[in-house]
Amino acid sequence: METPGKQFKKEYRNITVRTTDGSTIRGRVNLGLQERVSDLFTKSDKPFIVITDATHRDGAGKVLVLNKVNIVWVEPED
Protein backbone atom coordinates (compact mmCIF):
# COMPACT_ATOMS: atom_id res chain seq x y z
CA MET A 1 0.00 0.00 0.00
CA GLU A 2 1.44 3.36 -1.03
CA THR A 3 1.03 6.52 0.96
CA PRO A 4 -0.07 9.39 -1.29
CA GLY A 5 1.98 12.57 -0.98
CA LYS A 6 4.91 10.85 0.78
CA GLN A 7 8.29 10.69 -0.90
CA PHE A 8 10.73 7.91 -0.14
CA LYS A 9 14.35 7.69 -1.16
CA LYS A 10 17.09 5.18 -0.43
CA GLU A 11 20.50 6.75 0.05
CA TYR A 12 22.74 4.88 2.49
CA ARG A 13 25.82 6.16 4.31
CA ASN A 14 28.33 4.17 6.35
CA ILE A 15 28.69 5.33 9.95
CA THR A 16 30.37 4.45 13.22
CA VAL A 17 28.42 5.10 16.42
CA ARG A 18 29.62 5.16 20.05
CA THR A 19 26.92 4.57 22.66
CA THR A 20 26.71 5.63 26.30
CA ASP A 21 27.67 2.13 27.46
CA GLY A 22 30.92 2.32 25.45
CA SER A 23 29.82 0.08 22.58
CA THR A 24 30.94 0.83 19.05
CA ILE A 25 28.54 0.05 16.22
CA ARG A 26 29.38 0.17 12.53
CA GLY A 27 26.71 0.05 9.89
CA ARG A 28 24.64 2.00 7.39
CA VAL A 29 21.85 4.53 7.79
CA ASN A 30 19.39 5.62 5.15
CA LEU A 31 19.51 9.38 4.70
CA GLY A 32 16.21 9.33 2.86
CA LEU A 33 15.38 12.93 1.97
CA GLN A 34 18.02 14.35 4.34
CA GLU A 35 21.21 15.81 2.88
CA ARG A 36 23.73 14.82 5.57
CA VAL A 37 24.15 12.25 8.32
CA SER A 38 23.97 15.04 10.91
CA ASP A 39 20.50 15.97 9.59
CA LEU A 40 19.20 12.64 10.91
CA PHE A 41 20.01 13.89 14.40
CA THR A 42 19.35 17.63 14.16
CA LYS A 43 16.48 18.00 11.70
CA SER A 44 14.46 14.92 12.65
CA ASP A 45 12.31 14.74 15.76
CA LYS A 46 12.17 10.93 15.61
CA PRO A 47 13.72 9.44 18.77
CA PHE A 48 15.23 6.37 17.02
CA ILE A 49 17.55 5.69 14.11
CA VAL A 50 17.74 2.44 12.17
CA ILE A 51 21.19 1.03 11.46
CA THR A 52 21.37 -1.71 8.82
CA ASP A 53 24.22 -4.13 8.11
CA ALA A 54 25.33 -3.38 11.67
CA THR A 55 28.41 -4.91 13.24
CA HIS A 56 28.07 -4.96 17.01
CA ARG A 57 29.84 -7.15 19.54
CA ASP A 58 29.80 -10.71 18.15
CA GLY A 59 27.23 -10.16 15.40
CA ALA A 60 27.33 -8.75 11.91
CA GLY A 61 24.68 -7.99 9.33
CA LYS A 62 22.09 -7.04 11.93
CA VAL A 63 19.41 -4.37 11.85
CA LEU A 64 19.52 -2.24 15.00
CA VAL A 65 17.01 0.37 16.14
CA LEU A 66 18.93 2.74 18.40
CA ASN A 67 17.53 5.43 20.67
CA LYS A 68 19.30 8.74 19.95
CA VAL A 69 19.50 9.43 23.69
CA ASN A 70 22.06 6.62 23.96
CA ILE A 71 24.42 8.00 21.33
CA VAL A 72 27.63 9.78 22.39
CA TRP A 73 29.00 10.45 18.89
CA VAL A 74 28.54 9.46 15.24
CA GLU A 75 31.24 9.47 12.58
CA PRO A 76 30.27 9.31 8.90
CA GLU A 77 32.72 7.15 6.96
CA ASP A 78 32.01 8.48 3.48
C-alpha atoms as a PDB file:
ATOM      1  CA  MET A   1       0.000   0.000   0.000  1.00  0.00           C
ATOM      2  CA  GLU A   2       1.442   3.356  -1.031  1.00  0.00           C
ATOM      3  CA  THR A   3       1.033   6.524   0.957  1.00  0.00           C
ATOM      4  CA  PRO A   4      -0.067   9.389  -1.293  1.00  0.00           C
ATOM      5  CA  GLY A   5       1.976  12.573  -0.983  1.00  0.00           C
ATOM      6  CA  LYS A   6       4.911  10.852   0.776  1.00  0.00           C
ATOM      7  CA  GLN A   7       8.290  10.691  -0.904  1.00  0.00           C
ATOM      8  CA  PHE A   8      10.734   7.908  -0.139  1.00  0.00           C
ATOM      9  CA  LYS A   9      14.350   7.688  -1.160  1.00  0.00           C
ATOM     10  CA  LYS A  10      17.092   5.175  -0.434  1.00  0.00           C
ATOM     11  CA  GLU A  11      20.498   6.747   0.055  1.00  0.00           C
ATOM     12  CA  TYR A  12      22.737   4.882   2.491  1.00  0.00           C
ATOM     13  CA  ARG A  13      25.825   6.164   4.306  1.00  0.00           C
ATOM     14  CA  ASN A  14      28.328   4.166   6.349  1.00  0.00           C
ATOM     15  CA  ILE A  15      28.689   5.330   9.948  1.00  0.00           C
ATOM     16  CA  THR A  16      30.373   4.445  13.216  1.00  0.00           C
ATOM     17  CA  VAL A  17      28.415   5.100  16.424  1.00  0.00           C
ATOM     18  CA  ARG A  18      29.621   5.164  20.047  1.00  0.00           C
ATOM     19  CA  THR A  19      26.919   4.572  22.659  1.00  0.00           C
ATOM     20  CA  THR A  20      26.708   5.631  26.298  1.00  0.00           C
ATOM     21  CA  ASP A  21      27.669   2.127  27.457  1.00  0.00           C
ATOM     22  CA  GLY A  22      30.925   2.323  25.451  1.00  0.00           C
ATOM     23  CA  SER A  23      29.819   0.078  22.581  1.00  0.00           C
ATOM     24  CA  THR A  24      30.940   0.830  19.052  1.00  0.00           C
ATOM     25  CA  ILE A  25      28.535   0.055  16.220  1.00  0.00           C
ATOM     26  CA  ARG A  26      29.385   0.168  12.530  1.00  0.00           C
ATOM     27  CA  GLY A  27      26.712   0.055   9.887  1.00  0.00           C
ATOM     28  CA  ARG A  28      24.640   2.003   7.388  1.00  0.00           C
ATOM     29  CA  VAL A  29      21.849   4.534   7.788  1.00  0.00           C
ATOM     30  CA  ASN A  30      19.386   5.617   5.147  1.00  0.00           C
ATOM     31  CA  LEU A  31      19.508   9.383   4.699  1.00  0.00           C
ATOM     32  CA  GLY A  32      16.207   9.332   2.857  1.00  0.00           C
ATOM     33  CA  LEU A  33      15.379  12.927   1.972  1.00  0.00           C
ATOM     34  CA  GLN A  34      18.021  14.351   4.340  1.00  0.00           C
ATOM     35  CA  GLU A  35      21.205  15.810   2.882  1.00  0.00           C
ATOM     36  CA  ARG A  36      23.734  14.820   5.565  1.00  0.00           C
ATOM     37  CA  VAL A  37      24.151  12.250   8.323  1.00  0.00           C
ATOM     38  CA  SER A  38      23.969  15.036  10.906  1.00  0.00           C
ATOM     39  CA  ASP A  39      20.500  15.967   9.592  1.00  0.00           C
ATOM     40  CA  LEU A  40      19.197  12.639  10.914  1.00  0.00           C
ATOM     41  CA  PHE A  41      20.014  13.888  14.401  1.00  0.00           C
ATOM     42  CA  THR A  42      19.348  17.628  14.161  1.00  0.00           C
ATOM     43  CA  LYS A  43      16.477  18.000  11.695  1.00  0.00           C
ATOM     44  CA  SER A  44      14.459  14.920  12.645  1.00  0.00           C
ATOM     45  CA  ASP A  45      12.313  14.737  15.756  1.00  0.00           C
ATOM     46  CA  LYS A  46      12.173  10.926  15.607  1.00  0.00           C
ATOM     47  CA  PRO A  47      13.723   9.442  18.766  1.00  0.00           C
ATOM     48  CA  PHE A  48      15.228   6.372  17.024  1.00  0.00           C
ATOM     49  CA  ILE A  49      17.551   5.694  14.110  1.00  0.00           C
ATOM     50  CA  VAL A  50      17.743   2.442  12.168  1.00  0.00           C
ATOM     51  CA  ILE A  51      21.193   1.031  11.456  1.00  0.00           C
ATOM     52  CA  THR A  52      21.369  -1.712   8.815  1.00  0.00           C
ATOM     53  CA  ASP A  53      24.224  -4.128   8.108  1.00  0.00           C
ATOM     54  CA  ALA A  54      25.326  -3.382  11.674  1.00  0.00           C
ATOM     55  CA  THR A  55      28.408  -4.907  13.244  1.00  0.00           C
ATOM     56  CA  HIS A  56      28.067  -4.958  17.014  1.00  0.00           C
ATOM     57  CA  ARG A  57      29.841  -7.155  19.544  1.00  0.00           C
ATOM     58  CA  ASP A  58      29.798 -10.712  18.148  1.00  0.00           C
ATOM     59  CA  GLY A  59      27.233 -10.162  15.400  1.00  0.00           C
ATOM     60  CA  ALA A  60      27.326  -8.754  11.908  1.00  0.00           C
ATOM     61  CA  GLY A  61      24.678  -7.990   9.333  1.00  0.00           C
ATOM     62  CA  LYS A  62      22.087  -7.044  11.934  1.00  0.00           C
ATOM     63  CA  VAL A  63      19.407  -4.372  11.854  1.00  0.00           C
ATOM     64  CA  LEU A  64      19.523  -2.236  14.996  1.00  0.00           C
ATOM     65  CA  VAL A  65      17.015   0.372  16.141  1.00  0.00           C
ATOM     66  CA  LEU A  66      18.929   2.737  18.396  1.00  0.00           C
ATOM     67  CA  ASN A  67      17.526   5.434  20.673  1.00  0.00           C
ATOM     68  CA  LYS A  68      19.300   8.738  19.950  1.00  0.00           C
ATOM     69  CA  VAL A  69      19.502   9.435  23.690  1.00  0.00           C
ATOM     70  CA  ASN A  70      22.064   6.617  23.964  1.00  0.00           C
ATOM     71  CA  ILE A  71      24.424   8.004  21.334  1.00  0.00           C
ATOM     72  CA  VAL A  72      27.629   9.783  22.388  1.00  0.00           C
ATOM     73  CA  TRP A  73      28.999  10.448  18.892  1.00  0.00           C
ATOM     74  CA  VAL A  74      28.543   9.464  15.239  1.00  0.00           C
ATOM     75  CA  GLU A  75      31.241   9.468  12.583  1.00  0.00           C
ATOM     76  CA  PRO A  76      30.268   9.313   8.896  1.00  0.00           C
ATOM     77  CA  GLU A  77      32.723   7.154   6.957  1.00  0.00           C
ATOM     78  CA  ASP A  78      32.010   8.477   3.478  1.00  0.00           C
END
